[in-house]
N, C-alpha and C. Protein backbone atom coordinates (compact mmCIF):
# COMPACT_ATOMS: atom_id res chain seq x y z
N MET A 1 0.68 -1.11 0.01
CA MET A 1 -0.14 -0.07 0.01
C MET A 1 0.63 1.47 0.29
N LYS A 2 2.11 1.22 0.61
CA LYS A 2 2.93 2.18 0.30
C LYS A 2 3.19 2.61 -1.03
N THR A 3 3.28 1.79 -2.14
CA THR A 3 3.21 2.25 -3.59
C THR A 3 2.04 3.36 -4.16
N LEU A 4 0.80 2.70 -3.67
CA LEU A 4 -0.11 3.72 -4.04
C LEU A 4 -0.32 4.79 -3.01
N HIS A 5 0.37 4.87 -2.28
CA HIS A 5 0.24 6.48 -1.65
C HIS A 5 1.55 7.34 -2.48
N TYR A 6 2.45 6.30 -2.83
CA TYR A 6 3.62 7.22 -3.51
C TYR A 6 3.20 7.98 -4.62
N ILE A 7 2.34 6.93 -5.52
CA ILE A 7 1.84 6.91 -7.00
C ILE A 7 0.78 8.07 -6.61
N ASN A 8 -0.15 8.17 -5.79
CA ASN A 8 -1.06 9.14 -5.63
C ASN A 8 -0.26 10.41 -5.20
N SER A 9 0.25 10.36 -4.24
CA SER A 9 1.03 11.50 -3.74
C SER A 9 2.18 12.51 -5.19
N PHE A 10 2.25 11.51 -5.98
CA PHE A 10 3.43 11.87 -7.03
C PHE A 10 2.54 12.76 -8.12
N PHE A 11 0.93 12.11 -8.37
CA PHE A 11 0.34 12.63 -9.43
C PHE A 11 -0.69 13.94 -8.65
N TYR A 12 -0.76 13.90 -7.73
CA TYR A 12 -1.10 14.97 -6.41
C TYR A 12 -0.10 15.93 -6.72
N LEU A 13 1.19 16.17 -6.72
CA LEU A 13 2.04 16.87 -6.96
C LEU A 13 2.08 17.60 -8.34
N ILE A 14 2.26 16.73 -9.43
CA ILE A 14 2.12 17.03 -10.64
C ILE A 14 1.19 17.90 -10.98
N THR A 15 0.07 17.54 -10.17
CA THR A 15 -1.50 18.87 -10.73
C THR A 15 -1.52 19.92 -9.65
N ILE A 16 -1.02 19.99 -8.59
CA ILE A 16 -0.76 21.13 -7.52
C ILE A 16 0.24 22.34 -8.03
N ILE A 17 1.32 21.49 -8.62
CA ILE A 17 2.61 22.48 -8.57
C ILE A 17 1.84 23.80 -9.68
N PRO A 18 1.42 22.85 -10.90
CA PRO A 18 1.16 23.82 -11.89
C PRO A 18 -0.11 25.26 -11.70
N TYR A 19 -0.95 24.69 -10.80
CA TYR A 19 -2.03 25.52 -10.10
C TYR A 19 -0.83 26.64 -9.45
N LEU A 20 0.06 26.09 -8.65
CA LEU A 20 0.54 27.30 -7.90
C LEU A 20 0.95 28.24 -8.84
N THR A 21 1.64 28.26 -9.88
CA THR A 21 2.12 29.05 -10.99
C THR A 21 0.80 29.74 -11.56
N ILE A 22 0.78 30.83 -11.77
CA ILE A 22 -0.26 31.40 -12.69
C ILE A 22 -0.29 31.22 -14.15
N TYR A 23 1.06 30.59 -14.72
CA TYR A 23 1.21 30.89 -16.07
C TYR A 23 0.49 29.42 -16.63
N PHE A 24 0.87 28.07 -15.71
CA PHE A 24 0.58 26.81 -15.92
C PHE A 24 -0.81 26.12 -15.22
N ALA A 25 -1.51 27.69 -15.01
CA ALA A 25 -2.62 26.77 -14.48
C ALA A 25 -3.42 25.85 -15.61
N MET A 26 -3.20 26.07 -16.97
CA MET A 26 -4.21 25.33 -17.86
C MET A 26 -3.68 23.69 -17.84
N VAL A 27 -2.31 24.28 -17.67
CA VAL A 27 -1.92 22.45 -17.55
C VAL A 27 -2.37 21.78 -15.91
N GLY A 28 -2.32 22.70 -15.20
CA GLY A 28 -2.91 21.76 -13.88
C GLY A 28 -4.31 21.66 -14.19
N MET A 29 -4.97 22.14 -14.89
CA MET A 29 -6.36 21.70 -15.09
C MET A 29 -6.44 20.05 -15.71
N TYR A 30 -5.79 20.38 -16.73
CA TYR A 30 -5.53 18.97 -17.56
C TYR A 30 -4.67 18.08 -16.80
N ALA A 31 -4.24 18.17 -15.74
CA ALA A 31 -3.57 17.00 -14.89
C ALA A 31 -4.43 16.93 -13.84
N GLN A 32 -5.24 17.92 -13.63
CA GLN A 32 -6.34 17.44 -12.20
C GLN A 32 -7.68 16.34 -12.95
N PHE A 33 -7.53 16.38 -14.33
CA PHE A 33 -8.43 15.34 -14.94
C PHE A 33 -7.72 13.75 -14.84
N VAL A 34 -6.57 14.12 -14.94
CA VAL A 34 -5.62 12.67 -14.83
C VAL A 34 -5.50 12.29 -13.11
N LEU A 35 -5.25 13.01 -12.30
CA LEU A 35 -5.50 12.74 -11.18
C LEU A 35 -6.66 12.41 -10.76
N GLY A 36 -7.68 12.68 -11.33
CA GLY A 36 -9.01 11.99 -10.73
C GLY A 36 -9.08 10.71 -11.02
N ILE A 37 -8.78 10.53 -12.41
CA ILE A 37 -8.82 9.07 -12.78
C ILE A 37 -8.11 7.85 -12.05
N VAL A 38 -7.07 8.64 -11.85
CA VAL A 38 -5.65 7.69 -11.10
C VAL A 38 -6.14 7.61 -9.71
N GLN A 39 -6.76 8.62 -9.19
CA GLN A 39 -7.50 8.44 -7.38
C GLN A 39 -8.76 7.51 -7.81
N VAL A 40 -9.40 7.47 -8.89
CA VAL A 40 -10.36 6.39 -8.55
C VAL A 40 -9.98 5.47 -8.49
N LEU A 41 -9.25 4.70 -9.83
CA LEU A 41 -8.60 3.71 -9.76
C LEU A 41 -7.75 3.02 -8.50
N ILE A 42 -7.00 3.91 -7.81
CA ILE A 42 -6.86 3.47 -6.29
C ILE A 42 -8.08 3.27 -5.67
N ALA A 43 -8.61 4.13 -5.56
CA ALA A 43 -9.65 3.88 -4.43
C ALA A 43 -10.41 2.49 -4.81
N ILE A 44 -10.79 1.86 -6.20
CA ILE A 44 -11.00 0.75 -6.29
C ILE A 44 -9.94 -0.26 -5.57
N ILE A 45 -9.02 -0.09 -6.41
CA ILE A 45 -7.90 -1.11 -5.76
C ILE A 45 -8.03 -1.38 -4.12
N ILE A 46 -8.23 0.09 -3.94
CA ILE A 46 -8.46 -0.10 -1.79
C ILE A 46 -9.24 -0.85 -1.49
N LEU A 47 -10.68 -0.95 -2.34
CA LEU A 47 -11.79 -1.12 -1.92
C LEU A 47 -11.83 -2.98 -1.63
N PHE A 48 -10.77 -3.64 -2.79
CA PHE A 48 -10.35 -5.12 -2.64
C PHE A 48 -9.81 -5.27 -1.28
N TYR A 49 -9.23 -4.70 -0.58
CA TYR A 49 -8.53 -4.64 0.52
C TYR A 49 -9.34 -4.04 1.68
N ILE A 50 -10.56 -3.68 1.58
CA ILE A 50 -11.18 -2.87 2.92
C ILE A 50 -11.26 -3.84 4.16
N LYS A 51 -11.19 -5.29 3.82
CA LYS A 51 -11.63 -5.84 5.20
C LYS A 51 -10.05 -5.77 6.06
N LYS A 52 -9.28 -5.39 5.49
CA LYS A 52 -7.83 -5.10 6.28
C LYS A 52 -7.96 -3.96 7.26
N TYR A 53 -8.30 -3.12 6.75
CA TYR A 53 -8.25 -1.75 7.68
C TYR A 53 -9.15 -1.25 8.79
N ASN A 54 -9.01 -0.65 9.25
CA ASN A 54 -9.40 -0.64 10.97
C ASN A 54 -10.94 0.62 10.53
N LYS A 55 -11.40 0.68 11.43
CA LYS A 55 -12.77 1.48 11.29
C LYS A 55 -12.99 2.54 11.03
N SER A 56 -11.68 3.04 11.49
CA SER A 56 -11.63 4.52 11.19
C SER A 56 -11.17 4.88 9.56
N ILE A 57 -10.49 4.16 9.28
CA ILE A 57 -10.09 4.17 7.82
C ILE A 57 -11.40 4.04 6.89
N LYS A 58 -11.92 2.83 7.19
CA LYS A 58 -13.41 2.39 6.37
C LYS A 58 -14.31 3.39 6.22
N ARG A 59 -14.61 4.01 7.34
CA ARG A 59 -15.45 5.36 7.69
C ARG A 59 -14.58 6.49 6.69
N HIS A 60 -13.38 6.55 6.72
CA HIS A 60 -12.67 7.59 5.87
C HIS A 60 -12.71 7.47 4.01
N ILE A 61 -12.88 6.10 3.98
CA ILE A 61 -13.10 5.52 2.56
C ILE A 61 -14.87 6.09 2.24
N SER A 62 -15.43 6.10 2.92
CA SER A 62 -17.02 5.88 2.94
C SER A 62 -17.22 7.40 2.52
N TYR A 63 -16.52 8.17 3.28
CA TYR A 63 -16.62 9.41 3.16
C TYR A 63 -16.31 10.21 1.69
N TYR A 64 -15.14 9.33 1.60
CA TYR A 64 -14.40 9.57 0.24
C TYR A 64 -15.40 9.32 -1.06
N TRP A 65 -15.83 8.16 -1.28
CA TRP A 65 -17.05 7.92 -2.03
C TRP A 65 -17.94 8.40 -1.77
N SER A 66 -18.59 8.88 -0.93
CA SER A 66 -19.57 10.03 -1.15
C SER A 66 -19.69 10.95 -1.38
N SER A 67 -18.19 11.68 -1.34
CA SER A 67 -18.28 13.02 -1.78
C SER A 67 -17.93 12.95 -3.29
N VAL A 68 -17.03 11.96 -3.72
CA VAL A 68 -16.92 11.76 -5.20
C VAL A 68 -17.99 11.62 -6.03
N LEU A 69 -19.26 10.63 -5.35
CA LEU A 69 -20.21 10.76 -6.15
C LEU A 69 -21.00 12.03 -6.13
N ILE A 70 -21.44 12.86 -4.70
CA ILE A 70 -22.22 13.88 -5.13
C ILE A 70 -21.47 14.86 -5.84
N ILE A 71 -20.12 15.03 -5.69
CA ILE A 71 -19.57 16.08 -6.75
C ILE A 71 -19.32 15.45 -8.40
N LEU A 72 -19.33 14.60 -8.81
CA LEU A 72 -20.21 14.05 -10.04
C LEU A 72 -21.29 14.39 -10.50
N PHE A 73 -22.16 13.94 -9.84
CA PHE A 73 -23.69 14.43 -10.09
C PHE A 73 -23.60 15.75 -9.99
N THR A 74 -22.99 16.83 -9.07
CA THR A 74 -23.30 18.00 -9.19
C THR A 74 -22.82 18.33 -10.66
N ILE A 75 -21.44 18.02 -10.98
CA ILE A 75 -20.94 18.48 -12.59
C ILE A 75 -21.86 17.76 -13.33
N PHE A 76 -22.20 16.57 -13.64
CA PHE A 76 -23.18 16.60 -14.42
C PHE A 76 -24.72 17.09 -14.35
N LEU A 77 -24.88 17.80 -13.19
CA LEU A 77 -26.06 18.67 -13.37
C LEU A 77 -25.75 20.14 -13.83
N LEU A 78 -24.37 20.48 -13.72
CA LEU A 78 -24.22 21.73 -13.99
C LEU A 78 -24.12 21.92 -15.27
N SER A 79 -23.27 20.45 -15.93
CA SER A 79 -22.97 20.25 -17.52
C SER A 79 -24.34 20.52 -18.22
N ASN A 80 -25.40 19.80 -17.69
CA ASN A 80 -26.73 19.77 -18.73
C ASN A 80 -27.58 20.97 -18.27
N SER A 81 -26.75 22.26 -17.55
CA SER A 81 -28.02 23.20 -16.85
C SER A 81 -27.67 24.12 -18.30
N ASN A 82 -28.88 24.73 -18.47
CA ASN A 82 -28.81 26.29 -19.53
C ASN A 82 -28.07 27.33 -18.98
N ASN A 83 -28.30 27.34 -17.84
CA ASN A 83 -27.83 28.47 -16.78
C ASN A 83 -26.29 28.62 -16.97
N ILE A 84 -25.41 29.60 -17.54
CA ILE A 84 -24.35 29.52 -17.84
C ILE A 84 -23.97 30.80 -17.13
N GLY A 85 -24.88 31.75 -16.37
CA GLY A 85 -24.53 33.17 -16.10
C GLY A 85 -23.61 32.95 -14.73
N ASN A 86 -23.55 31.99 -13.87
CA ASN A 86 -22.60 31.91 -12.82
C ASN A 86 -21.57 31.25 -12.92
N ASN A 87 -20.52 32.18 -13.50
CA ASN A 87 -19.34 30.87 -13.76
C ASN A 87 -18.50 30.73 -11.95
N SER A 88 -18.56 31.34 -11.49
CA SER A 88 -17.77 31.09 -10.02
C SER A 88 -18.19 29.57 -9.49
N ILE A 89 -19.87 29.43 -9.53
CA ILE A 89 -20.39 28.31 -8.98
C ILE A 89 -19.60 27.07 -9.84
N GLN A 90 -19.51 27.24 -10.89
CA GLN A 90 -19.03 26.39 -11.66
C GLN A 90 -17.65 25.75 -11.62
N ILE A 91 -16.91 27.03 -11.50
CA ILE A 91 -15.06 26.94 -11.60
C ILE A 91 -15.09 26.08 -9.86
N ILE A 92 -15.81 26.74 -9.04
CA ILE A 92 -15.87 26.13 -7.41
C ILE A 92 -16.16 24.36 -7.63
N CYS A 93 -16.99 23.89 -8.37
CA CYS A 93 -17.81 22.68 -8.56
C CYS A 93 -16.74 21.62 -9.30
N VAL A 94 -16.31 22.36 -10.06
CA VAL A 94 -15.56 21.68 -11.31
C VAL A 94 -13.73 21.61 -10.85
N PHE A 95 -13.33 22.57 -10.54
CA PHE A 95 -11.85 22.82 -9.83
C PHE A 95 -11.45 22.45 -8.78
N ILE A 96 -12.11 23.55 -7.49
CA ILE A 96 -11.61 23.77 -6.37
C ILE A 96 -12.37 22.51 -5.52
N ILE A 97 -13.63 22.19 -5.70
CA ILE A 97 -14.25 20.99 -4.46
C ILE A 97 -13.29 19.46 -4.82
N PRO A 98 -13.01 19.63 -6.44
CA PRO A 98 -12.67 18.16 -6.62
C PRO A 98 -11.23 18.03 -6.09
N MET A 99 -10.39 19.17 -6.03
CA MET A 99 -9.14 19.60 -5.59
C MET A 99 -9.08 19.19 -3.85
N LEU A 100 -10.18 19.60 -3.50
CA LEU A 100 -10.05 19.15 -1.82
C LEU A 100 -10.26 17.89 -1.45
N ILE A 101 -11.16 17.11 -2.27
CA ILE A 101 -11.47 15.88 -2.39
C ILE A 101 -10.25 14.96 -2.45
N ALA A 102 -9.00 15.66 -3.46
CA ALA A 102 -8.20 14.79 -3.87
C ALA A 102 -6.99 15.05 -2.70
N SER A 103 -6.87 16.30 -2.07
CA SER A 103 -6.04 16.24 -0.77
C SER A 103 -6.64 15.40 0.10
N TYR A 104 -7.78 15.03 0.49
CA TYR A 104 -8.35 14.19 1.48
C TYR A 104 -8.10 12.93 1.31
N PHE A 105 -8.09 12.48 -0.11
CA PHE A 105 -7.38 10.94 -0.57
C PHE A 105 -6.21 10.90 -0.37
N VAL A 106 -5.57 11.78 -0.59
CA VAL A 106 -3.89 11.67 -0.33
C VAL A 106 -3.62 11.61 1.23
N TYR A 107 -4.46 12.04 2.20
CA TYR A 107 -4.37 12.03 3.37
C TYR A 107 -5.20 10.91 3.90
N ILE A 108 -6.06 9.81 3.07
CA ILE A 108 -6.16 8.58 3.63
C ILE A 108 -5.35 7.67 3.01
N THR A 109 -4.73 7.88 1.90
CA THR A 109 -3.66 7.17 0.96
C THR A 109 -2.67 6.84 2.33
N TYR A 110 -2.13 7.95 2.97
CA TYR A 110 -1.31 8.31 4.24
C TYR A 110 -1.68 7.42 5.28
N LEU A 111 -2.83 7.41 5.95
CA LEU A 111 -3.21 6.69 6.79
C LEU A 111 -3.33 5.23 6.57
N ILE A 112 -3.40 4.80 5.29
CA ILE A 112 -3.19 3.46 5.30
C ILE A 112 -2.25 3.13 5.06
N GLN A 113 -1.33 4.00 4.55
CA GLN A 113 0.45 3.72 4.38
C GLN A 113 0.78 3.06 6.04
N LYS A 114 0.45 3.93 7.00
CA LYS A 114 1.00 4.12 8.45
C LYS A 114 0.40 3.01 9.27
N GLN A 115 -0.75 2.16 8.90
CA GLN A 115 -1.43 1.16 9.36
C GLN A 115 -0.60 0.03 9.26
């Protein structure tokens, strides 16, 4: 499981570094898409070993999956909405909240690695 944490941390850093520089924010947006795919794949792998984890980690994983499903549903609703007037809500739902969820997942993989 250490390897999964290192892979997750690597992709997280590859995503967060371009966001910290103003000139490469678009690169960060593309990297965020890749990060999302990698994290969902890692989360699916973690689900295969869920019985080995303690109750706290199981609770964190369920919170993670709940938040992922909620934000995916929200993004789906925003993409089908005809209201394009409020871009700040779209930016928050498409970029900021998923990065917060990604940060939380890095923490979860850290906890799993320490167990």
